[in-house]
Amino acid sequence: MIIPSLSGIRFTTDENMADIAARYAAAFAGGRTGKIVVGRDARPSGKAIAKTIIKTLTKAGCTVTDIGIVPTPTLTMAIIKLKAKGGVMITASHNPTEWNGLKLFDASGDYLNHVLGI
């Protein structure tokens, strides 16, 4: 089950995370080219999700800068500092480990919830 929130989407790790990540990354890319920053929290599922997102964005024509494990505010500052076209944060915030999620940002570090259908 995909659950929308004010800052993105959440899903449980027993779901097909690769499919969910690829679908939302493709929608995010949606004609967007240029640099995209990707970060994640320390959840065990984050590395696999990041790999799928980076592959999908690269295939769509984006140049990806993977900044690894960082807090969400660091990702938004990296978007601005690197003059990226946007960013993807892989995190489920305060939710338990069996959850993960995506937060999408534009070039100014603002949430892009409309891409997520929110």
PDB file of N, CA and C in Angstrom:
ATOM      1  N   MET A   1       0.839  -1.177   0.000  1.00  0.00           N
ATOM      2  CA  MET A   1       0.000   0.000   0.000  1.00  0.00           C
ATOM      3  C   MET A   1       0.889   1.248   0.000  1.00  0.00           C
ATOM      4  N   ILE A   2       0.607   2.151  -0.886  1.00  0.00           N
ATOM      5  CA  ILE A   2       1.314   3.430  -0.943  1.00  0.00           C
ATOM      6  C   ILE A   2       0.469   4.453  -0.197  1.00  0.00           C
ATOM      7  N   ILE A   3       1.089   5.127   0.757  1.00  0.00           N
ATOM      8  CA  ILE A   3       0.372   6.099   1.571  1.00  0.00           C
ATOM      9  C   ILE A   3       0.950   7.488   1.310  1.00  0.00           C
ATOM     10  N   PRO A   4       0.121   8.410   0.782  1.00  0.00           N
ATOM     11  CA  PRO A   4       0.597   9.779   0.589  1.00  0.00           C
ATOM     12  C   PRO A   4       0.672  10.515   1.931  1.00  0.00           C
ATOM     13  N   SER A   5       1.601  11.447   2.029  1.00  0.00           N
ATOM     14  CA  SER A   5       1.700  12.298   3.214  1.00  0.00           C
ATOM     15  C   SER A   5       1.915  13.732   2.737  1.00  0.00           C
ATOM     16  N   LEU A   6       2.042  14.641   3.663  1.00  0.00           N
ATOM     17  CA  LEU A   6       2.263  16.039   3.293  1.00  0.00           C
ATOM     18  C   LEU A   6       3.583  16.253   2.575  1.00  0.00           C
ATOM     19  N   SER A   7       4.542  15.341   2.782  1.00  0.00           N
ATOM     20  CA  SER A   7       5.871  15.553   2.211  1.00  0.00           C
ATOM     21  C   SER A   7       6.312  14.443   1.267  1.00  0.00           C
ATOM     22  N   GLY A   8       5.414  13.616   0.797  1.00  0.00           N
ATOM     23  CA  GLY A   8       5.807  12.557  -0.133  1.00  0.00           C
ATOM     24  C   GLY A   8       4.934  11.340  -0.013  1.00  0.00           C
ATOM     25  N   ILE A   9       5.533  10.176  -0.248  1.00  0.00           N
ATOM     26  CA  ILE A   9       4.793   8.923  -0.126  1.00  0.00           C
ATOM     27  C   ILE A   9       5.565   7.979   0.794  1.00  0.00           C
ATOM     28  N   ARG A  10       4.832   7.041   1.381  1.00  0.00           N
ATOM     29  CA  ARG A  10       5.419   5.996   2.209  1.00  0.00           C
ATOM     30  C   ARG A  10       4.890   4.653   1.710  1.00  0.00           C
ATOM     31  N   PHE A  11       5.708   3.617   1.872  1.00  0.00           N
ATOM     32  CA  PHE A  11       5.297   2.261   1.514  1.00  0.00           C
ATOM     33  C   PHE A  11       6.068   1.286   2.378  1.00  0.00           C
ATOM     34  N   THR A  12       5.530   0.077   2.533  1.00  0.00           N
ATOM     35  CA  THR A  12       6.217  -0.923   3.344  1.00  0.00           C
ATOM     36  C   THR A  12       7.204  -1.685   2.486  1.00  0.00           C
ATOM     37  N   THR A  13       8.247  -2.177   3.130  1.00  0.00           N
ATOM     38  CA  THR A  13       9.318  -2.843   2.399  1.00  0.00           C
ATOM     39  C   THR A  13       8.937  -4.235   1.917  1.00  0.00           C
ATOM     40  N   ASP A  14       7.761  -4.754   2.307  1.00  0.00           N
ATOM     41  CA  ASP A  14       7.342  -6.044   1.762  1.00  0.00           C
ATOM     42  C   ASP A  14       6.659  -5.884   0.402  1.00  0.00           C
ATOM     43  N   GLU A  15       6.508  -4.656  -0.045  1.00  0.00           N
ATOM     44  CA  GLU A  15       5.948  -4.390  -1.366  1.00  0.00           C
ATOM     45  C   GLU A  15       7.073  -4.408  -2.397  1.00  0.00           C
ATOM     46  N   ASN A  16       6.714  -4.330  -3.671  1.00  0.00           N
ATOM     47  CA  ASN A  16       7.711  -4.319  -4.732  1.00  0.00           C
ATOM     48  C   ASN A  16       8.333  -2.918  -4.805  1.00  0.00           C
ATOM     49  N   MET A  17       9.312  -2.707  -3.946  1.00  0.00           N
ATOM     50  CA  MET A  17       9.933  -1.382  -3.836  1.00  0.00           C
ATOM     51  C   MET A  17      10.572  -0.926  -5.134  1.00  0.00           C
ATOM     52  N   ALA A  18      11.188  -1.840  -5.862  1.00  0.00           N
ATOM     53  CA  ALA A  18      11.851  -1.463  -7.118  1.00  0.00           C
ATOM     54  C   ALA A  18      10.830  -0.914  -8.105  1.00  0.00           C
ATOM     55  N   ASP A  19       9.678  -1.551  -8.190  1.00  0.00           N
ATOM     56  CA  ASP A  19       8.632  -1.092  -9.104  1.00  0.00           C
ATOM     57  C   ASP A  19       8.097   0.269  -8.680  1.00  0.00           C
ATOM     58  N   ILE A  20       7.844   0.432  -7.397  1.00  0.00           N
ATOM     59  CA  ILE A  20       7.338   1.713  -6.888  1.00  0.00           C
ATOM     60  C   ILE A  20       8.364   2.818  -7.154  1.00  0.00           C
ATOM     61  N   ALA A  21       9.625   2.557  -6.823  1.00  0.00           N
ATOM     62  CA  ALA A  21      10.686   3.555  -7.007  1.00  0.00           C
ATOM     63  C   ALA A  21      10.845   3.920  -8.478  1.00  0.00           C
ATOM     64  N   ALA A  22      10.852   2.919  -9.355  1.00  0.00           N
ATOM     65  CA  ALA A  22      11.017   3.177 -10.791  1.00  0.00           C
ATOM     66  C   ALA A  22       9.854   3.996 -11.338  1.00  0.00           C
ATOM     67  N   ARG A  23       8.653   3.666 -10.917  1.00  0.00           N
ATOM     68  CA  ARG A  23       7.461   4.375 -11.397  1.00  0.00           C
ATOM     69  C   ARG A  23       7.501   5.855 -11.005  1.00  0.00           C
ATOM     70  N   TYR A  24       7.804   6.136  -9.753  1.00  0.00           N
ATOM     71  CA  TYR A  24       7.814   7.523  -9.291  1.00  0.00           C
ATOM     72  C   TYR A  24       9.029   8.288  -9.813  1.00  0.00           C
ATOM     73  N   ALA A  25      10.161   7.625  -9.954  1.00  0.00           N
ATOM     74  CA  ALA A  25      11.345   8.284 -10.523  1.00  0.00           C
ATOM     75  C   ALA A  25      11.097   8.662 -11.980  1.00  0.00           C
ATOM     76  N   ALA A  26      10.430   7.782 -12.727  1.00  0.00           N
ATOM     77  CA  ALA A  26      10.114   8.079 -14.132  1.00  0.00           C
ATOM     78  C   ALA A  26       9.154   9.262 -14.222  1.00  0.00           C
ATOM     79  N   ALA A  27       8.164   9.305 -13.343  1.00  0.00           N
ATOM     80  CA  ALA A  27       7.226  10.435 -13.331  1.00  0.00           C
ATOM     81  C   ALA A  27       7.952  11.726 -12.957  1.00  0.00           C
ATOM     82  N   PHE A  28       8.862  11.632 -12.007  1.00  0.00           N
ATOM     83  CA  PHE A  28       9.645  12.795 -11.591  1.00  0.00           C
ATOM     84  C   PHE A  28      10.514  13.302 -12.736  1.00  0.00           C
ATOM     85  N   ALA A  29      11.165  12.391 -13.441  1.00  0.00           N
ATOM     86  CA  ALA A  29      12.024  12.777 -14.572  1.00  0.00           C
ATOM     87  C   ALA A  29      11.185  13.464 -15.632  1.00  0.00           C
ATOM     88  N   GLY A  30      10.057  12.881 -15.993  1.00  0.00           N
ATOM     89  CA  GLY A  30       9.071  13.449 -16.904  1.00  0.00           C
ATOM     90  C   GLY A  30       9.543  14.561 -17.816  1.00  0.00           C
ATOM     91  N   GLY A  31      10.577  14.359 -18.598  1.00  0.00           N
ATOM     92  CA  GLY A  31      11.079  15.385 -19.494  1.00  0.00           C
ATOM     93  C   GLY A  31      12.130  16.273 -18.863  1.00  0.00           C
ATOM     94  N   ARG A  32      12.350  16.124 -17.573  1.00  0.00           N
ATOM     95  CA  ARG A  32      13.346  16.916 -16.846  1.00  0.00           C
ATOM     96  C   ARG A  32      14.735  16.386 -17.211  1.00  0.00           C
ATOM     97  N   THR A  33      15.616  17.243 -17.617  1.00  0.00           N
ATOM     98  CA  THR A  33      17.004  16.842 -17.854  1.00  0.00           C
ATOM     99  C   THR A  33      17.888  17.696 -16.960  1.00  0.00           C
ATOM    100  N   GLY A  34      19.114  17.319 -16.829  1.00  0.00           N
ATOM    101  CA  GLY A  34      20.025  18.050 -15.970  1.00  0.00           C
ATOM    102  C   GLY A  34      20.341  17.258 -14.725  1.00  0.00           C
ATOM    103  N   LYS A  35      20.951  17.941 -13.769  1.00  0.00           N
ATOM    104  CA  LYS A  35      21.421  17.274 -12.556  1.00  0.00           C
ATOM    105  C   LYS A  35      20.287  17.069 -11.557  1.00  0.00           C
ATOM    106  N   ILE A  36      20.223  15.860 -11.000  1.00  0.00           N
ATOM    107  CA  ILE A  36      19.284  15.520  -9.940  1.00  0.00           C
ATOM    108  C   ILE A  36      20.098  14.964  -8.784  1.00  0.00           C
ATOM    109  N   VAL A  37      19.805  15.416  -7.572  1.00  0.00           N
ATOM    110  CA  VAL A  37      20.511  14.951  -6.385  1.00  0.00           C
ATOM    111  C   VAL A  37      19.663  13.877  -5.703  1.00  0.00           C
ATOM    112  N   VAL A  38      20.300  12.770  -5.339  1.00  0.00           N
ATOM    113  CA  VAL A  38      19.613  11.677  -4.650  1.00  0.00           C
ATOM    114  C   VAL A  38      20.296  11.447  -3.305  1.00  0.00           C
ATOM    115  N   GLY A  39      19.482  11.358  -2.259  1.00  0.00           N
ATOM    116  CA  GLY A  39      19.982  11.055  -0.920  1.00  0.00           C
ATOM    117  C   GLY A  39      19.057  10.056  -0.257  1.00  0.00           C
ATOM    118  N   ARG A  40      19.513   9.495   0.854  1.00  0.00           N
ATOM    119  CA  ARG A  40      18.698   8.509   1.557  1.00  0.00           C
ATOM    120  C   ARG A  40      19.016   8.530   3.035  1.00  0.00           C
ATOM    121  N   ASP A  41      18.093   7.948   3.821  1.00  0.00           N
ATOM    122  CA  ASP A  41      18.390   7.774   5.237  1.00  0.00           C
ATOM    123  C   ASP A  41      19.071   6.418   5.412  1.00  0.00           C
ATOM    124  N   ALA A  42      19.270   5.997   6.647  1.00  0.00           N
ATOM    125  CA  ALA A  42      20.067   4.796   6.920  1.00  0.00           C
ATOM    126  C   ALA A  42      19.270   3.487   6.911  1.00  0.00           C
ATOM    127  N   ARG A  43      18.035   3.517   6.474  1.00  0.00           N
ATOM    128  CA  ARG A  43      17.252   2.276   6.441  1.00  0.00           C
ATOM    129  C   ARG A  43      17.907   1.262   5.521  1.00  0.00           C
ATOM    130  N   PRO A  44      17.857  -0.011   5.893  1.00  0.00           N
ATOM    131  CA  PRO A  44      18.484  -1.057   5.073  1.00  0.00           C
ATOM    132  C   PRO A  44      17.960  -1.102   3.632  1.00  0.00           C
ATOM    133  N   SER A  45      16.695  -0.778   3.422  1.00  0.00           N
ATOM    134  CA  SER A  45      16.111  -0.841   2.072  1.00  0.00           C
ATOM    135  C   SER A  45      16.513   0.335   1.188  1.00  0.00           C
ATOM    136  N   GLY A  46      17.092   1.378   1.762  1.00  0.00           N
ATOM    137  CA  GLY A  46      17.400   2.599   1.013  1.00  0.00           C
ATOM    138  C   GLY A  46      18.398   2.425  -0.111  1.00  0.00           C
ATOM    139  N   LYS A  47      19.394   1.594   0.101  1.00  0.00           N
ATOM    140  CA  LYS A  47      20.432   1.421  -0.917  1.00  0.00           C
ATOM    141  C   LYS A  47      19.859   0.823  -2.201  1.00  0.00           C
ATOM    142  N   ALA A  48      19.003  -0.185  -2.078  1.00  0.00           N
ATOM    143  CA  ALA A  48      18.391  -0.811  -3.256  1.00  0.00           C
ATOM    144  C   ALA A  48      17.439   0.150  -3.957  1.00  0.00           C
ATOM    145  N   ILE A  49      16.686   0.915  -3.181  1.00  0.00           N
ATOM    146  CA  ILE A  49      15.775   1.889  -3.771  1.00  0.00           C
ATOM    147  C   ILE A  49      16.579   2.957  -4.508  1.00  0.00           C
ATOM    148  N   ALA A  50      17.671   3.430  -3.907  1.00  0.00           N
ATOM    149  CA  ALA A  50      18.516   4.442  -4.547  1.00  0.00           C
ATOM    150  C   ALA A  50      19.059   3.925  -5.874  1.00  0.00           C
ATOM    151  N   LYS A  51      19.500   2.696  -5.890  1.00  0.00           N
ATOM    152  CA  LYS A  51      20.037   2.108  -7.117  1.00  0.00           C
ATOM    153  C   LYS A  51      18.993   2.128  -8.236  1.00  0.00           C
ATOM    154  N   THR A  52      17.762   1.760  -7.906  1.00  0.00           N
ATOM    155  CA  THR A  52      16.678   1.769  -8.899  1.00  0.00           C
ATOM    156  C   THR A  52      16.368   3.182  -9.365  1.00  0.00           C
ATOM    157  N   ILE A  53      16.298   4.122  -8.439  1.00  0.00           N
ATOM    158  CA  ILE A  53      15.988   5.509  -8.796  1.00  0.00           C
ATOM    159  C   ILE A  53      17.088   6.097  -9.678  1.00  0.00           C
ATOM    160  N   ILE A  54      18.335   5.863  -9.319  1.00  0.00           N
ATOM    161  CA  ILE A  54      19.454   6.392 -10.113  1.00  0.00           C
ATOM    162  C   ILE A  54      19.436   5.802 -11.516  1.00  0.00           C
ATOM    163  N   LYS A  55      19.192   4.514 -11.627  1.00  0.00           N
ATOM    164  CA  LYS A  55      19.123   3.862 -12.939  1.00  0.00           C
ATOM    165  C   LYS A  55      17.989   4.451 -13.779  1.00  0.00           C
ATOM    166  N   THR A  56      16.821   4.644 -13.171  1.00  0.00           N
ATOM    167  CA  THR A  56      15.661   5.182 -13.891  1.00  0.00           C
ATOM    168  C   THR A  56      15.907   6.614 -14.329  1.00  0.00           C
ATOM    169  N   LEU A  57      16.436   7.447 -13.442  1.00  0.00           N
ATOM    170  CA  LEU A  57      16.700   8.850 -13.789  1.00  0.00           C
ATOM    171  C   LEU A  57      17.768   8.963 -14.879  1.00  0.00           C
ATOM    172  N   THR A  58      18.809   8.161 -14.785  1.00  0.00           N
ATOM    173  CA  THR A  58      19.873   8.176 -15.787  1.00  0.00           C
ATOM    174  C   THR A  58      19.334   7.764 -17.152  1.00  0.00           C
ATOM    175  N   LYS A  59      18.514   6.734 -17.154  1.00  0.00           N
ATOM    176  CA  LYS A  59      17.894   6.254 -18.400  1.00  0.00           C
ATOM    177  C   LYS A  59      17.007   7.337 -19.023  1.00  0.00           C
ATOM    178  N   ALA A  60      16.417   8.187 -18.172  1.00  0.00           N
ATOM    179  CA  ALA A  60      15.546   9.262 -18.643  1.00  0.00           C
ATOM    180  C   ALA A  60      16.334  10.483 -19.118  1.00  0.00           C
ATOM    181  N   GLY A  61      17.672  10.454 -18.982  1.00  0.00           N
ATOM    182  CA  GLY A  61      18.493  11.564 -19.464  1.00  0.00           C
ATOM    183  C   GLY A  61      18.995  12.509 -18.394  1.00  0.00           C
ATOM    184  N   CYS A  62      18.783  12.178 -17.130  1.00  0.00           N
ATOM    185  CA  CYS A  62      19.255  13.024 -16.037  1.00  0.00           C
ATOM    186  C   CYS A  62      20.687  12.638 -15.654  1.00  0.00           C
ATOM    187  N   THR A  63      21.400  13.601 -15.113  1.00  0.00           N
ATOM    188  CA  THR A  63      22.710  13.354 -14.524  1.00  0.00           C
ATOM    189  C   THR A  63      22.492  13.303 -13.015  1.00  0.00           C
ATOM    190  N   VAL A  64      22.848  12.200 -12.393  1.00  0.00           N
ATOM    191  CA  VAL A  64      22.538  12.008 -10.979  1.00  0.00           C
ATOM    192  C   VAL A  64      23.779  12.186 -10.115  1.00  0.00           C
ATOM    193  N   THR A  65      23.612  12.953  -9.048  1.00  0.00           N
ATOM    194  CA  THR A  65      24.623  13.078  -8.018  1.00  0.00           C
ATOM    195  C   THR A  65      24.073  12.391  -6.772  1.00  0.00           C
ATOM    196  N   ASP A  66      24.675  11.271  -6.404  1.00  0.00           N
ATOM    197  CA  ASP A  66      24.253  10.498  -5.231  1.00  0.00           C
ATOM    198  C   ASP A  66      25.061  10.988  -4.036  1.00  0.00           C
ATOM    199  N   ILE A  67      24.379  11.589  -3.057  1.00  0.00           N
ATOM    200  CA  ILE A  67      25.090  12.111  -1.891  1.00  0.00           C
ATOM    201  C   ILE A  67      25.007  11.164  -0.697  1.00  0.00           C
ATOM    202  N   GLY A  68      24.443   9.971  -0.908  1.00  0.00           N
ATOM    203  CA  GLY A  68      24.455   8.941   0.127  1.00  0.00           C
ATOM    204  C   GLY A  68      23.509   9.219   1.276  1.00  0.00           C
ATOM    205  N   ILE A  69      23.922   8.793   2.470  1.00  0.00           N
ATOM    206  CA  ILE A  69      23.092   8.920   3.668  1.00  0.00           C
ATOM    207  C   ILE A  69      23.224  10.334   4.223  1.00  0.00           C
ATOM    208  N   VAL A  70      22.092  11.048   4.205  1.00  0.00           N
ATOM    209  CA  VAL A  70      22.046  12.438   4.676  1.00  0.00           C
ATOM    210  C   VAL A  70      20.662  12.732   5.244  1.00  0.00           C
ATOM    211  N   PRO A  71      20.553  13.741   6.112  1.00  0.00           N
ATOM    212  CA  PRO A  71      19.222  14.204   6.528  1.00  0.00           C
ATOM    213  C   PRO A  71      18.561  14.971   5.376  1.00  0.00           C
ATOM    214  N   THR A  72      17.255  15.007   5.375  1.00  0.00           N
ATOM    215  CA  THR A  72      16.515  15.676   4.299  1.00  0.00           C
ATOM    216  C   THR A  72      16.951  17.129   4.089  1.00  0.00           C
ATOM    217  N   PRO A  73      17.148  17.931   5.133  1.00  0.00           N
ATOM    218  CA  PRO A  73      17.587  19.315   4.887  1.00  0.00           C
ATOM    219  C   PRO A  73      18.927  19.397   4.149  1.00  0.00           C
ATOM    220  N   THR A  74      19.805  18.437   4.363  1.00  0.00           N
ATOM    221  CA  THR A  74      21.085  18.434   3.650  1.00  0.00           C
ATOM    222  C   THR A  74      20.858  18.208   2.169  1.00  0.00           C
ATOM    223  N   LEU A  75      19.928  17.329   1.832  1.00  0.00           N
ATOM    224  CA  LEU A  75      19.600  17.103   0.423  1.00  0.00           C
ATOM    225  C   LEU A  75      19.069  18.391  -0.206  1.00  0.00           C
ATOM    226  N   THR A  76      18.164  19.078   0.460  1.00  0.00           N
ATOM    227  CA  THR A  76      17.602  20.298  -0.138  1.00  0.00           C
ATOM    228  C   THR A  76      18.677  21.372  -0.318  1.00  0.00           C
ATOM    229  N   MET A  77      19.613  21.473   0.627  1.00  0.00           N
ATOM    230  CA  MET A  77      20.705  22.436   0.473  1.00  0.00           C
ATOM    231  C   MET A  77      21.641  22.023  -0.661  1.00  0.00           C
ATOM    232  N   ALA A  78      21.856  20.713  -0.843  1.00  0.00           N
ATOM    233  CA  ALA A  78      22.705  20.234  -1.942  1.00  0.00           C
ATOM    234  C   ALA A  78      22.075  20.561  -3.291  1.00  0.00           C
ATOM    235  N   ILE A  79      20.759  20.463  -3.383  1.00  0.00           N
ATOM    236  CA  ILE A  79      20.070  20.811  -4.628  1.00  0.00           C
ATOM    237  C   ILE A  79      20.414  22.254  -5.019  1.00  0.00           C
ATOM    238  N   ILE A  80      20.311  23.141  -4.051  1.00  0.00           N
ATOM    239  CA  ILE A  80      20.561  24.564  -4.306  1.00  0.00           C
ATOM    240  C   ILE A  80      22.048  24.811  -4.592  1.00  0.00           C
ATOM    241  N   LYS A  81      22.925  24.265  -3.758  1.00  0.00           N
ATOM    242  CA  LYS A  81      24.371  24.496  -3.910  1.00  0.00           C
ATOM    243  C   LYS A  81      24.902  23.940  -5.229  1.00  0.00           C
ATOM    244  N   LEU A  82      24.395  22.771  -5.631  1.00  0.00           N
ATOM    245  CA  LEU A  82      24.864  22.136  -6.867  1.00  0.00           C
ATOM    246  C   LEU A  82      24.116  22.631  -8.108  1.00  0.00           C
ATOM    247  N   LYS A  83      23.163  23.554  -7.889  1.00  0.00           N
ATOM    248  CA  LYS A  83      22.347  24.095  -8.982  1.00  0.00           C
ATOM    249  C   LYS A  83      21.664  22.967  -9.774  1.00  0.00           C
ATOM    250  N   ALA A  84      21.133  22.018  -9.012  1.00  0.00           N
ATOM    251  CA  ALA A  84      20.454  20.874  -9.621  1.00  0.00           C
ATOM    252  C   ALA A  84      19.035  21.251 -10.026  1.00  0.00           C
ATOM    253  N   LYS A  85      18.461  20.446 -10.868  1.00  0.00           N
ATOM    254  CA  LYS A  85      17.075  20.653 -11.313  1.00  0.00           C
ATOM    255  C   LYS A  85      16.072  20.102 -10.308  1.00  0.00           C
ATOM    256  N   GLY A  86      16.555  19.331  -9.338  1.00  0.00           N
ATOM    257  CA  GLY A  86      15.677  18.771  -8.321  1.00  0.00           C
ATOM    258  C   GLY A  86      16.377  17.689  -7.534  1.00  0.00           C
ATOM    259  N   GLY A  87      15.591  17.000  -6.703  1.00  0.00           N
ATOM    260  CA  GLY A  87      16.181  15.958  -5.880  1.00  0.00           C
ATOM    261  C   GLY A  87      15.164  14.944  -5.415  1.00  0.00           C
ATOM    262  N   VAL A  88      15.687  13.782  -5.033  1.00  0.00           N
ATOM    263  CA  VAL A  88      14.867  12.700  -4.494  1.00  0.00           C
ATOM    264  C   VAL A  88      15.487  12.271  -3.174  1.00  0.00           C
ATOM    265  N   MET A  89      14.687  12.310  -2.111  1.00  0.00           N
ATOM    266  CA  MET A  89      15.117  11.825  -0.800  1.00  0.00           C
ATOM    267  C   MET A  89      14.372  10.537  -0.517  1.00  0.00           C
ATOM    268  N   ILE A  90      15.129   9.496  -0.218  1.00  0.00           N
ATOM    269  CA  ILE A  90      14.556   8.192   0.098  1.00  0.00           C
ATOM    270  C   ILE A  90      14.528   8.074   1.615  1.00  0.00           C
ATOM    271  N   THR A  91      13.333   8.179   2.181  1.00  0.00           N
ATOM    272  CA  THR A  91      13.168   8.171   3.627  1.00  0.00           C
ATOM    273  C   THR A  91      11.702   7.952   3.988  1.00  0.00           C
ATOM    274  N   ALA A  92      11.502   7.361   5.135  1.00  0.00           N
ATOM    275  CA  ALA A  92      10.148   7.262   5.688  1.00  0.00           C
ATOM    276  C   ALA A  92      10.094   8.039   7.001  1.00  0.00           C
ATOM    277  N   SER A  93      11.015   8.967   7.150  1.00  0.00           N
ATOM    278  CA  SER A  93      11.076   9.855   8.316  1.00  0.00           C
ATOM    279  C   SER A  93      11.054   9.075   9.625  1.00  0.00           C
ATOM    280  N   HIS A  94      10.049   9.331  10.423  1.00  0.00           N
ATOM    281  CA  HIS A  94       9.959   8.753  11.771  1.00  0.00           C
ATOM    282  C   HIS A  94       9.307   7.371  11.799  1.00  0.00           C
ATOM    283  N   ASN A  95       8.897   6.842  10.653  1.00  0.00           N
ATOM    284  CA  ASN A  95       8.205   5.550  10.623  1.00  0.00           C
ATOM    285  C   ASN A  95       9.176   4.397  10.907  1.00  0.00           C
ATOM    286  N   PRO A  96       8.635   3.240  11.312  1.00  0.00           N
ATOM    287  CA  PRO A  96       9.483   2.077  11.616  1.00  0.00           C
ATOM    288  C   PRO A  96      10.295   1.599  10.411  1.00  0.00           C
ATOM    289  N   THR A  97      11.296   0.781  10.668  1.00  0.00           N
ATOM    290  CA  THR A  97      12.243   0.309   9.658  1.00  0.00           C
ATOM    291  C   THR A  97      11.590  -0.399   8.477  1.00  0.00           C
ATOM    292  N   GLU A  98      10.465  -1.057   8.693  1.00  0.00           N
ATOM    293  CA  GLU A  98       9.828  -1.781   7.589  1.00  0.00           C
ATOM    294  C   GLU A  98       9.141  -0.856   6.582  1.00  0.00           C
ATOM    295  N   TRP A  99       9.200   0.421   6.822  1.00  0.00           N
ATOM    296  CA  TRP A  99       8.664   1.420   5.897  1.00  0.00           C
ATOM    297  C   TRP A  99       9.812   2.134   5.188  1.00  0.00           C
ATOM    298  N   ASN A 100       9.513   2.628   3.995  1.00  0.00           N
ATOM    299  CA  ASN A 100      10.405   3.568   3.327  1.00  0.00           C
ATOM    300  C   ASN A 100       9.525   4.498   2.512  1.00  0.00           C
ATOM    301  N   GLY A 101      10.126   5.444   1.822  1.00  0.00           N
ATOM    302  CA  GLY A 101       9.323   6.389   1.069  1.00  0.00           C
ATOM    303  C   GLY A 101      10.176   7.300   0.216  1.00  0.00           C
ATOM    304  N   LEU A 102       9.496   8.218  -0.460  1.00  0.00           N
ATOM    305  CA  LEU A 102      10.152   9.164  -1.359  1.00  0.00           C
ATOM    306  C   LEU A 102       9.648  10.569  -1.093  1.00  0.00           C
ATOM    307  N   LYS A 103      10.571  11.493  -1.108  1.00  0.00           N
ATOM    308  CA  LYS A 103      10.247  12.915  -1.095  1.00  0.00           C
ATOM    309  C   LYS A 103      10.906  13.497  -2.333  1.00  0.00           C
ATOM    310  N   LEU A 104      10.136  14.229  -3.131  1.00  0.00           N
ATOM    311  CA  LEU A 104      10.646  14.815  -4.374  1.00  0.00           C
ATOM    312  C   LEU A 104      10.708  16.335  -4.231  1.00  0.00           C
ATOM    313  N   PHE A 105      11.771  16.912  -4.780  1.00  0.00           N
ATOM    314  CA  PHE A 105      11.999  18.349  -4.645  1.00  0.00           C
ATOM    315  C   PHE A 105      12.322  18.995  -5.982  1.00  0.00           C
ATOM    316  N   ASP A 106      11.947  20.276  -6.124  1.00  0.00           N
ATOM    317  CA  ASP A 106      12.302  21.023  -7.328  1.00  0.00           C
ATOM    318  C   ASP A 106      13.654  21.706  -7.125  1.00  0.00           C
ATOM    319  N   ALA A 107      14.041  22.554  -8.068  1.00  0.00           N
ATOM    320  CA  ALA A 107      15.358  23.198  -8.049  1.00  0.00           C
ATOM    321  C   ALA A 107      15.554  24.135  -6.865  1.00  0.00           C
ATOM    322  N   SER A 108      14.473  24.601  -6.262  1.00  0.00           N
ATOM    323  CA  SER A 108      14.607  25.491  -5.108  1.00  0.00           C
ATOM    324  C   SER A 108      14.482  24.749  -3.777  1.00  0.00           C
ATOM    325  N   GLY A 109      14.361  23.420  -3.833  1.00  0.00           N
ATOM    326  CA  GLY A 109      14.251  22.625  -2.613  1.00  0.00           C
ATOM    327  C   GLY A 109      12.844  22.513  -2.075  1.00  0.00           C
ATOM    328  N   ASP A 110      11.849  22.929  -2.863  1.00  0.00           N
ATOM    329  CA  ASP A 110      10.450  22.819  -2.450  1.00  0.00           C
ATOM    330  C   ASP A 110       9.891  21.455  -2.845  1.00  0.00           C
ATOM    331  N   TYR A 111       8.952  20.951  -2.037  1.00  0.00           N
ATOM    332  CA  TYR A 111       8.322  19.662  -2.324  1.00  0.00           C
ATOM    333  C   TYR A 111       7.561  19.692  -3.648  1.00  0.00           C
ATOM    334  N   LEU A 112       7.619  18.582  -4.354  1.00  0.00           N
ATOM    335  CA  LEU A 112       6.872  18.415  -5.598  1.00  0.00           C
ATOM    336  C   LEU A 112       5.798  17.350  -5.431  1.00  0.00           C
ATOM    337  N   ASN A 113       4.871  17.577  -4.550  1.00  0.00           N
ATOM    338  CA  ASN A 113       3.848  16.568  -4.272  1.00  0.00           C
ATOM    339  C   ASN A 113       2.930  16.296  -5.447  1.00  0.00           C
ATOM    340  N   HIS A 114       2.793  17.240  -6.371  1.00  0.00           N
ATOM    341  CA  HIS A 114       1.899  16.990  -7.515  1.00  0.00           C
ATOM    342  C   HIS A 114       2.412  15.842  -8.374  1.00  0.00           C
ATOM    343  N   VAL A 115       3.724  15.592  -8.411  1.00  0.00           N
ATOM    344  CA  VAL A 115       4.276  14.465  -9.154  1.00  0.00           C
ATOM    345  C   VAL A 115       3.830  13.159  -8.530  1.00  0.00           C
ATOM    346  N   LEU A 116       3.646  13.193  -7.204  1.00  0.00           N
ATOM    347  CA  LEU A 116       3.243  12.003  -6.471  1.00  0.00           C
ATOM    348  C   LEU A 116       1.725  11.835  -6.458  1.00  0.00           C
ATOM    349  N   GLY A 117       1.006  12.745  -7.072  1.00  0.00           N
ATOM    350  CA  GLY A 117      -0.450  12.664  -7.070  1.00  0.00           C
ATOM    351  C   GLY A 117      -1.058  13.111  -5.763  1.00  0.00           C
ATOM    352  N   ILE A 118      -0.332  13.926  -5.009  1.00  0.00           N
ATOM    353  CA  ILE A 118      -0.811  14.379  -3.697  1.00  0.00           C
ATOM    354  C   ILE A 118      -1.396  15.777  -3.828  1.00  0.00           C
TER     355      ILE A 118
END
